[in-house]
Protein backbone atom coordinates (compact mmCIF):
# COMPACT_ATOMS: atom_id res chain seq x y z
CA MET A 1 74.43 106.60 64.97
CA ASN A 2 77.66 108.61 64.69
CA ALA A 3 81.02 107.32 65.94
CA SER A 4 81.28 109.70 68.90
CA ARG A 5 77.87 108.64 70.24
CA ARG A 6 78.77 104.97 69.90
CA GLN A 7 81.98 105.61 71.86
CA PHE A 8 80.07 107.46 74.56
CA LEU A 9 77.55 104.66 74.95
CA ARG A 10 80.32 102.08 74.99
CA ALA A 11 82.00 103.96 77.84
CA GLY A 12 78.72 104.27 79.70
CA SER A 13 77.89 100.60 79.29
CA GLY A 14 81.37 99.72 80.49
CA LEU A 15 80.73 101.65 83.68
CA MET A 16 77.39 99.90 84.09
CA ALA A 17 79.13 96.56 83.69
CA ALA A 18 81.75 97.60 86.21
CA ALA A 19 79.01 98.39 88.69
CA ALA A 20 77.72 94.83 88.29
CA ASN A 21 81.23 93.36 88.33
CA PRO A 22 83.79 95.49 90.15
CA LEU A 23 86.66 93.28 89.00
CA ALA A 24 85.94 94.29 85.41
CA ALA A 25 86.68 97.94 86.21
CA PRO A 26 90.13 99.49 85.69
CA LEU A 27 90.81 99.94 89.38
CA ASN A 28 93.53 102.53 88.89
CA ALA A 29 90.98 104.88 87.36
CA PRO A 30 89.34 107.25 89.86
CA LEU A 31 86.04 107.20 87.95
CA ALA A 32 85.85 103.42 88.19
CA LEU A 33 87.01 103.55 91.78
CA SER A 34 83.94 105.59 92.63
CA LEU A 35 81.87 102.56 91.70
CA ALA A 36 82.77 101.23 95.12
CA GLY A 37 79.89 103.37 96.25
CA LEU A 38 77.49 101.30 94.16
CA GLY A 39 78.05 98.43 96.58
CA ALA A 40 76.97 100.55 99.51
CA MET A 41 73.33 99.44 99.41
CA ALA A 42 74.33 95.78 99.34
CA ALA A 43 76.76 96.42 102.17
CA GLN A 44 73.95 97.69 104.37
CA SER A 45 72.57 94.16 104.64
CA ALA A 46 75.80 92.88 106.21
CA SER A 47 76.59 93.31 109.89
CA ALA A 48 79.54 92.47 112.11
CA ALA A 49 79.20 91.07 115.61
CA ASP A 50 80.85 94.15 117.11
CA THR A 51 81.59 97.40 115.29
CA SER A 52 81.69 99.70 118.29
CA GLY A 53 84.40 102.33 118.36
CA TYR A 54 86.95 102.51 115.54
CA LYS A 55 89.40 99.87 114.31
CA ALA A 56 91.62 99.60 111.25
CA LEU A 57 93.69 96.76 109.84
CA VAL A 58 96.77 97.53 107.71
CA CYS A 59 98.51 94.95 105.50
CA LEU A 60 102.15 95.79 104.74
CA PHE A 61 103.02 93.55 101.82
CA MET A 62 106.72 92.93 101.09
CA ALA A 63 106.69 91.96 97.43
CA GLY A 64 109.19 89.44 96.14
CA GLY A 65 109.38 87.00 99.03
CA SER A 66 111.15 88.33 102.12
CA ASP A 67 113.93 86.29 103.75
CA GLN A 68 112.58 86.42 107.29
CA HIS A 69 115.21 83.94 108.51
CA ASN A 70 117.32 87.06 109.08
CA TRP A 71 114.57 89.13 110.70
CA VAL A 72 114.23 86.95 113.79
CA VAL A 73 117.41 85.01 114.55
CA PRO A 74 118.21 82.45 117.28
CA ILE A 75 120.92 83.89 119.55
CA ASP A 76 121.37 81.18 122.17
CA ALA A 77 124.69 79.39 121.65
CA SER A 78 123.41 76.18 120.07
CA GLY A 79 120.65 77.90 118.12
CA TYR A 80 122.94 80.50 116.59
CA ALA A 81 125.59 77.88 115.77
CA ALA A 82 123.02 75.82 113.85
CA TYR A 83 121.71 78.94 112.09
CA ALA A 84 125.20 80.11 111.09
CA LYS A 85 126.17 76.64 109.87
CA VAL A 86 123.26 76.33 107.45
CA ARG A 87 123.10 80.01 106.38
CA GLN A 88 126.84 80.40 105.81
CA GLU A 89 127.47 83.79 104.14
CA LEU A 90 123.80 84.75 104.63
CA ALA A 91 124.06 84.55 108.43
CA TRP A 92 123.63 87.82 110.29
CA PRO A 93 126.66 88.53 112.52
CA ALA A 94 125.89 87.74 116.15
CA ALA A 95 127.38 91.06 117.28
CA LYS A 96 124.80 92.91 115.17
CA LEU A 97 121.72 91.34 116.77
CA LEU A 98 119.54 92.93 119.47
CA PRO A 99 117.92 90.50 121.95
CA ILE A 100 114.14 90.23 122.19
CA THR A 101 112.18 88.71 125.05
CA SER A 102 110.63 85.31 124.47
CA THR A 103 109.21 82.84 126.96
CA THR A 104 107.11 80.75 124.58
CA GLN A 105 109.69 78.75 122.62
CA GLY A 106 111.12 76.43 125.25
CA SER A 107 113.82 76.60 127.88
CA GLY A 108 117.19 77.86 126.74
CA ARG A 109 116.05 79.33 123.43
CA ALA A 110 116.70 83.02 122.79
CA PHE A 111 116.15 85.29 119.80
CA GLY A 112 117.25 88.61 118.40
CA MET A 113 116.63 91.11 115.63
CA PRO A 114 119.23 92.88 113.45
CA LEU A 115 120.32 96.40 114.39
CA GLU A 116 118.50 97.64 111.29
CA LEU A 117 115.23 96.58 112.94
CA GLN A 118 115.93 98.49 116.17
CA PRO A 119 112.74 100.60 115.92
CA LEU A 120 110.66 97.41 115.69
CA GLN A 121 112.73 95.73 118.40
CA ALA A 122 111.91 98.70 120.66
CA LEU A 123 108.19 98.37 119.88
CA TYR A 124 108.45 94.64 120.56
CA GLU A 125 110.07 95.16 123.95
CA ALA A 126 107.47 97.83 124.78
CA GLY A 127 104.74 95.24 124.16
CA HIS A 128 103.39 96.74 120.94
CA CYS A 129 104.85 94.24 118.46
CA ALA A 130 104.67 90.45 118.24
CA VAL A 131 106.22 87.78 116.02
CA VAL A 132 104.11 85.04 114.45
CA ALA A 133 106.49 82.22 113.57
CA ASN A 134 106.44 80.10 110.43
CA VAL A 135 103.26 81.38 108.76
CA GLY A 136 102.20 80.36 105.27
CA PRO A 137 99.26 79.33 103.09
CA LEU A 138 97.70 75.97 103.99
CA GLU A 139 94.38 74.37 103.14
CA ARG A 140 94.59 72.22 106.27
CA PRO A 141 97.31 71.18 108.72
CA LEU A 142 99.97 69.32 106.76
CA THR A 143 102.80 66.97 107.69
CA LYS A 144 106.09 66.63 105.90
CA THR A 145 105.16 63.11 104.77
CA GLU A 146 101.88 64.34 103.30
CA TYR A 147 103.73 67.09 101.45
CA GLN A 148 106.21 64.59 100.05
CA ASN A 149 103.31 62.41 98.88
CA GLY A 150 101.48 65.37 97.32
CA VAL A 151 98.53 65.10 99.70
CA GLY A 152 96.75 68.32 100.65
CA THR A 153 99.42 70.62 99.25
CA PRO A 154 98.32 74.15 98.27
CA ALA A 155 98.37 74.92 94.56
CA LYS A 156 101.30 76.54 92.76
CA LEU A 157 103.76 76.90 95.61
CA PHE A 158 106.92 78.98 95.04
CA SER A 159 105.33 81.04 92.22
CA HIS A 160 105.41 84.81 92.82
CA ASN A 161 102.06 85.73 91.26
CA ASP A 162 100.22 82.73 92.66
CA GLN A 163 101.58 83.00 96.18
CA GLN A 164 101.03 86.75 96.35
CA SER A 165 97.42 86.02 95.44
CA THR A 166 97.20 83.10 97.86
CA TRP A 167 98.46 85.18 100.79
CA GLN A 168 95.96 87.91 99.94
CA SER A 169 92.95 85.84 98.88
CA LEU A 170 93.65 82.20 99.89
CA SER A 171 93.55 81.22 96.19
CA PRO A 172 96.15 81.35 93.37
CA GLU A 173 96.33 84.01 90.68
CA GLY A 174 92.91 84.70 89.19
CA ALA A 175 91.12 84.97 92.54
CA ARG A 176 88.26 87.44 92.43
CA SER A 177 88.23 88.53 96.06
CA GLY A 178 90.65 88.82 98.97
CA TRP A 179 90.12 88.19 102.64
CA GLY A 180 90.58 91.88 103.45
CA GLY A 181 87.83 92.76 100.99
CA ARG A 182 85.60 89.99 102.30
CA MET A 183 86.05 91.41 105.80
CA GLY A 184 85.02 94.73 104.30
CA ASP A 185 81.84 93.15 102.93
CA VAL A 186 80.82 92.32 106.50
CA LEU A 187 82.01 95.57 108.08
CA ALA A 188 81.00 98.22 105.53
CA ALA A 189 77.50 98.68 106.93
CA ALA A 190 79.01 100.25 110.04
CA ASN A 191 80.53 103.09 108.00
CA ALA A 192 78.86 106.34 106.98
CA TYR A 193 80.88 106.16 103.75
CA PRO A 194 81.17 102.47 102.74
CA VAL A 195 83.28 103.57 99.74
CA PHE A 196 86.19 104.16 102.16
CA THR A 197 85.98 100.73 103.82
CA ALA A 198 88.84 99.11 101.84
CA VAL A 199 91.61 101.50 100.83
CA SER A 200 94.82 100.82 98.91
CA ALA A 201 97.81 103.17 98.90
CA ALA A 202 99.67 100.65 96.73
CA GLY A 203 97.57 100.34 93.57
CA ASN A 204 95.29 97.47 92.67
CA ALA A 205 95.41 94.49 95.06
CA VAL A 206 93.14 91.46 95.28
CA PHE A 207 93.47 91.58 99.08
CA LEU A 208 91.00 94.48 99.25
CA THR A 209 88.44 93.27 96.70
CA GLY A 210 85.18 91.93 98.09
CA SER A 211 81.80 90.96 96.70
CA THR A 212 80.11 94.26 97.53
CA VAL A 213 83.16 96.27 98.56
CA THR A 214 85.54 97.63 95.93
CA GLN A 215 88.90 99.02 96.93
CA TYR A 216 89.28 102.78 96.92
CA GLN A 217 92.74 103.89 95.83
CA VAL A 218 94.72 106.85 97.11
CA GLY A 219 98.09 108.27 96.20
CA ALA A 220 100.76 109.67 98.51
CA SER A 221 99.07 113.08 98.36
CA GLY A 222 95.45 112.00 98.66
CA PRO A 223 92.59 110.71 96.50
CA LEU A 224 93.21 110.07 92.82
CA ALA A 225 91.12 112.88 91.41
CA MET A 226 89.71 112.96 87.89
CA GLN A 227 92.15 114.90 85.77
CA GLY A 228 91.30 118.23 84.15
CA LEU A 229 88.19 119.22 86.08
CA GLY A 230 88.58 122.86 87.00
CA ALA A 231 92.33 122.73 86.42
CA SER A 232 94.22 125.37 84.46
CA TRP A 233 95.57 122.91 81.92
CA LEU A 234 94.69 124.94 78.79
CA HIS A 235 96.89 128.03 78.49
CA GLY A 236 96.52 128.71 82.21
CA SER A 237 92.73 128.99 82.07
CA THR A 238 90.24 126.98 84.13
CA THR A 239 87.48 127.55 81.59
CA ALA A 240 88.07 124.33 79.67
CA GLY A 241 88.25 122.23 82.83
CA SER A 242 85.04 123.72 84.17
CA ALA A 243 83.32 123.12 80.84
CA LEU A 244 84.49 119.49 80.86
CA ALA A 245 83.09 119.01 84.35
CA LYS A 246 79.76 120.44 83.26
CA VAL A 247 79.57 118.15 80.23
CA LEU A 248 80.45 115.06 82.24
CA LYS A 249 77.80 115.83 84.84
CA THR A 250 75.06 116.62 82.34
CA SER A 251 72.29 114.03 82.47
CA GLY A 252 70.17 113.17 79.47
CA ASN A 253 67.20 110.99 78.64
CA ASP A 254 69.38 108.06 77.61
CA LEU A 255 69.70 105.41 80.36
CA TYR A 256 73.44 104.92 79.91
CA GLN A 257 74.12 108.65 79.71
CA ALA A 258 72.13 109.28 82.89
CA GLU A 259 73.97 106.55 84.77
CA TYR A 260 77.31 107.81 83.48
CA SER A 261 76.45 111.27 84.78
CA ARG A 262 75.51 109.93 88.21
CA VAL A 263 78.74 107.95 88.49
CA VAL A 264 80.82 110.98 87.48
CA GLN A 265 79.06 113.16 90.04
CA ARG A 266 79.57 110.50 92.71
CA SER A 267 83.28 110.36 91.91
CA ILE A 268 83.65 114.14 92.11
CA ASP A 269 81.68 114.32 95.36
CA THR A 270 83.63 111.45 96.92
CA THR A 271 86.96 113.06 96.09
CA SER A 272 85.78 116.39 97.49
CA THR A 273 84.49 114.80 100.70
CA LEU A 274 87.72 112.92 101.36
CA THR A 275 89.94 115.87 100.48
CA SER A 276 88.08 118.11 102.93
CA ALA A 277 88.29 115.50 105.70
CA LEU A 278 92.02 115.00 105.15
CA GLN A 279 92.68 118.73 105.24
CA ALA A 280 90.84 118.98 108.54
CA SER A 281 92.76 116.02 110.07
CA PRO A 282 96.49 116.72 109.82
CA VAL A 283 99.16 114.28 110.95
CA ALA A 284 102.86 114.87 111.49
CA ALA A 285 105.04 115.42 108.44
CA LEU A 286 107.61 112.79 107.56
CA PRO A 287 111.07 113.83 108.79
CA THR A 288 113.32 115.39 106.18
CA ALA A 289 116.55 114.82 108.11
CA PRO A 290 118.52 111.76 106.92
CA ILE A 291 118.66 108.82 109.34
CA THR A 292 122.09 107.20 109.56
CA LEU A 293 121.68 103.42 109.54
CA PRO A 294 123.93 100.80 111.18
CA SER A 295 125.34 99.96 107.74
CA GLY A 296 126.45 103.57 107.30
CA ALA A 297 123.83 104.24 104.64
CA THR A 298 121.24 106.96 105.14
CA LEU A 299 117.46 106.93 104.83
CA THR A 300 115.21 109.96 104.45
CA LEU A 301 111.64 109.04 105.29
CA ALA A 302 110.22 112.10 103.53
CA ASN A 303 111.54 110.62 100.27
CA ASP A 304 110.68 106.98 100.95
CA GLY A 305 107.80 105.40 99.04
CA LEU A 306 106.68 103.09 101.86
CA ALA A 307 106.79 105.85 104.46
CA LYS A 308 104.71 108.09 102.20
CA GLN A 309 102.10 105.35 101.74
CA LEU A 310 101.88 104.85 105.50
CA ARG A 311 101.56 108.57 106.09
CA MET A 312 98.60 108.66 103.70
CA VAL A 313 97.00 105.79 105.61
CA ALA A 314 97.66 107.63 108.89
CA GLN A 315 95.93 110.70 107.44
CA MET A 316 92.88 108.65 106.47
CA ILE A 317 92.74 107.10 109.94
CA ALA A 318 93.00 110.55 111.52
CA ALA A 319 90.10 111.65 109.29
CA ALA A 320 87.95 108.61 110.15
CA PRO A 321 85.88 110.33 112.88
CA LYS A 322 84.96 113.17 110.51
CA LEU A 323 83.90 110.65 107.86
CA GLY A 324 81.87 108.52 110.26
CA MET A 325 84.09 105.47 109.75
CA ARG A 326 84.14 102.59 112.23
CA ARG A 327 86.00 99.83 110.38
CA GLN A 328 88.62 100.13 107.63
CA VAL A 329 91.10 97.81 105.93
CA PHE A 330 94.20 99.27 104.25
CA MET A 331 97.09 98.00 102.18
CA VAL A 332 100.58 99.36 101.54
CA GLN A 333 103.38 97.65 99.63
CA VAL A 334 107.15 97.79 99.26
CA GLY A 335 109.15 95.78 96.71
CA GLY A 336 112.68 94.50 96.26
CA PHE A 337 112.56 91.37 98.43
CA ASP A 338 113.25 88.74 95.74
CA SER A 339 116.80 88.23 96.99
CA HIS A 340 118.32 85.64 94.65
CA ASN A 341 121.35 87.93 94.35
CA TYR A 342 123.12 90.53 96.50
CA GLN A 343 121.05 89.63 99.55
CA MET A 344 123.51 90.79 102.20
CA ARG A 345 124.08 94.03 100.30
CA ASP A 346 120.40 94.88 99.83
CA GLN A 347 118.60 93.37 102.82
CA PRO A 348 119.85 95.84 105.48
CA LEU A 349 118.30 98.85 103.73
CA LEU A 350 115.03 97.00 103.09
CA MET A 351 114.82 96.06 106.77
CA ALA A 352 115.52 99.64 107.81
CA ARG A 353 112.90 101.05 105.46
CA VAL A 354 110.23 98.81 106.95
CA ALA A 355 111.33 99.34 110.56
CA GLN A 356 111.70 103.11 110.39
CA SER A 357 108.46 103.58 108.42
CA VAL A 358 106.36 101.36 110.69
CA ALA A 359 107.74 102.96 113.86
CA TRP A 360 106.96 106.42 112.47
CA PHE A 361 103.45 105.22 111.57
CA TYR A 362 102.81 103.84 115.05
CA ASN A 363 104.02 107.04 116.70
CA ALA A 364 101.97 109.23 114.33
CA LEU A 365 98.81 107.26 115.15
CA THR A 366 99.52 107.46 118.86
CA ALA A 367 99.84 111.23 118.55
CA VAL A 368 96.31 111.48 117.11
CA GLY A 369 94.84 109.08 119.66
CA GLN A 370 94.52 106.05 117.36
CA GLY A 371 97.51 103.94 118.43
CA ASN A 372 95.34 101.34 120.18
CA ASN A 373 92.82 101.19 117.34
CA VAL A 374 95.09 100.17 114.46
CA THR A 375 96.86 96.87 113.84
CA LEU A 376 99.49 96.46 111.12
CA PHE A 377 100.77 93.08 109.97
CA THR A 378 103.48 92.13 107.50
CA ALA A 379 102.99 89.68 104.64
CA SER A 380 105.01 88.51 101.63
CA ASP A 381 104.83 86.13 98.68
CA PHE A 382 106.59 83.39 100.65
CA GLY A 383 109.61 82.74 102.84
CA ARG A 384 112.95 81.68 101.43
CA THR A 385 115.46 78.86 101.70
CA LEU A 386 117.78 78.67 104.67
CA VAL A 387 120.49 77.46 102.30
CA SER A 388 122.44 80.03 100.32
CA ASN A 389 122.56 79.84 96.53
CA GLY A 390 125.94 81.55 96.62
CA ASP A 391 124.74 85.15 96.71
CA GLY A 392 121.20 85.00 98.07
CA SER A 393 118.31 82.66 98.83
CA ASP A 394 115.61 81.05 96.73
CA HIS A 395 111.83 80.74 96.95
CA GLY A 396 110.47 79.06 100.06
CA TRP A 397 107.15 78.71 101.87
CA GLY A 398 106.70 79.43 105.58
CA SER A 399 107.99 82.69 107.03
CA HIS A 400 108.01 84.74 110.22
CA HIS A 401 105.86 87.87 110.33
CA LEU A 402 105.27 90.85 112.58
CA VAL A 403 102.06 92.26 114.03
CA VAL A 404 102.23 95.82 115.38
CA GLY A 405 99.69 97.90 117.31
CA GLY A 406 98.67 99.22 120.69
CA ALA A 407 96.08 96.46 121.12
CA VAL A 408 98.52 93.65 120.30
CA LYS A 409 99.71 91.38 123.11
CA GLY A 410 103.30 91.96 122.14
CA ARG A 411 106.72 90.93 123.44
CA THR A 412 105.82 87.39 122.40
CA ILE A 413 106.68 84.91 119.64
CA TYR A 414 103.46 83.09 118.70
CA GLY A 415 103.43 79.66 117.08
CA ASN A 416 106.30 77.21 116.80
CA PHE A 417 109.64 78.73 115.84
CA PRO A 418 111.50 76.00 113.91
CA VAL A 419 115.08 74.98 114.57
CA ALA A 420 117.44 76.20 111.86
CA ALA A 421 118.52 72.81 110.60
CA LEU A 422 118.28 70.85 107.37
CA GLY A 423 116.31 67.62 107.42
CA SER A 424 114.06 68.61 110.32
CA ALA A 425 110.31 67.97 110.39
CA ASP A 426 109.82 71.59 109.27
CA ASP A 427 112.23 71.40 106.32
CA ILE A 428 110.80 70.32 102.96
CA GLY A 429 114.10 70.90 101.15
CA SER A 430 116.99 73.39 101.36
CA GLY A 431 115.51 74.86 104.51
CA ARG A 432 112.14 75.71 102.99
CA LEU A 433 109.78 75.78 105.95
CA LEU A 434 106.55 73.78 106.07
CA PRO A 435 104.22 76.30 107.75
CA SER A 436 102.98 75.47 111.23
CA THR A 437 100.54 78.41 111.34
CA SER A 438 98.30 79.06 108.36
CA VAL A 439 97.53 82.45 106.83
CA THR A 440 93.91 81.50 107.53
CA GLN A 441 94.59 81.24 111.28
CA LEU A 442 96.42 84.57 111.32
CA ALA A 443 93.58 86.19 109.36
CA SER A 444 91.02 84.75 111.78
CA SER A 445 92.79 86.30 114.74
CA LEU A 446 92.90 89.67 112.98
CA GLY A 447 89.26 89.34 111.90
CA GLY A 448 88.13 88.56 115.43
CA TRP A 449 89.80 91.74 116.66
CA MET A 450 88.04 93.69 113.89
CA GLY A 451 84.69 92.48 115.25
CA LEU A 452 83.77 89.53 113.04
CA SER A 453 81.83 86.77 114.74
CA ALA A 454 82.92 83.14 114.47
CA ALA A 455 80.29 82.52 111.78
CA GLU A 456 81.36 85.59 109.82
CA ARG A 457 85.00 84.50 109.93
CA LEU A 458 83.98 81.16 108.44
CA THR A 459 82.37 83.05 105.57
CA VAL A 460 85.42 85.25 105.01
CA LEU A 461 87.86 82.34 105.44
CA PRO A 462 86.23 79.23 103.92
CA THR A 463 88.87 76.75 105.14
CA LEU A 464 88.95 78.05 108.72
CA GLY A 465 87.06 75.02 109.98
CA ASN A 466 90.04 72.84 109.07
CA PHE A 467 92.25 74.48 111.70
CA SER A 468 92.50 74.95 115.43
CA ALA A 469 92.41 78.45 116.92
CA GLY A 470 94.97 80.89 115.59
CA PRO A 471 97.44 82.99 117.59
CA ALA A 472 95.84 84.84 120.51
CA LEU A 473 97.26 88.19 119.47
CA PHE A 474 94.72 90.36 121.32
């Protein structure tokens, strides 16, 4: 057997293996991405309790560990004094905080958001945004004493890779599926194109990997097409690209070659189908005019990576009716939140990027009639210390997160918002918060809205039975 034939068979067998094990596939490769379709038949055997209408869940992951102590700040006199005392140079100036309504955290307590978050503060006050206080990974409810004695503590706390994975999958680095993908396993049967059930605009993410569902990846401009097919990449001629496409789609008598050909054709067809649907479902363009921020800096959404990811997601949601989609899970990501240094210099722009991008996203979805059908939630590696390290904050645990959407019961802080004080029952050291709401409980609330039954949520979230009901966000 000559070398070229051995290479071809090796490639074909690799694709066959990827079909059997999606995690073995190079998920940034469009050809391998098309293997998500191979799980479609298995997906048909799954069913959600309620998949009527259309709903989409969007995870906005803030990579690095966002310091949410400065996103939602106590503004009553005693609360702000305690916050400012422990935060020192990391404290947000009281004059630069916008009040938010809260009736769930006890008499006399009041909260605000920085001016940079004004678009989210406006959504909050309009009832389309909620805060879930002190969320983090837990295997079961945990007390401070148990933590100090090493009883029931989640694995590998404070580690970036492990806690990113734990937020997304409920297991440390090395997890083979995420809870978004496992939701997709249950929901994919409701979709005409199961391949578009779990979609990432942020590259490979365990959050969207299921047992039968494999994440489909898109770029800011649309699907990641196979390169060279029909393109004029050889001296301006399309002849070579067309010839390549013909060769790749040619089926032979060999089992591997035939399967390779089918997978290639599926990839090409999938890309074509999605591209046509996107072209027929336009959404508003991102604004090109610079936005002047409270800090004096400017932000142009048309040039912002997060905004462009969210626009692509908005386009896919707008195209959902044409594709026969009923349930979808998406992920976008923005980095830069590991604020050991220069926190007060860098955090305002990061806040503004998230706030402006999410507000644009919500308004774009409302304009195409999908505002009530999409819920976005924020997530991050972990929270951070209340105590300053001199120029920033260090790795923590619990954190406050936002949930945005027309269906959300907003204008509310869910859970128990801890007092900003060292040595409290919530503080496990340097103001690291012991979570009072688990990621599992938050995920259960989101899954229930997506249509999963109680039994299905137990399958998606194996430790759910250890907890009481999560926040009643809907």
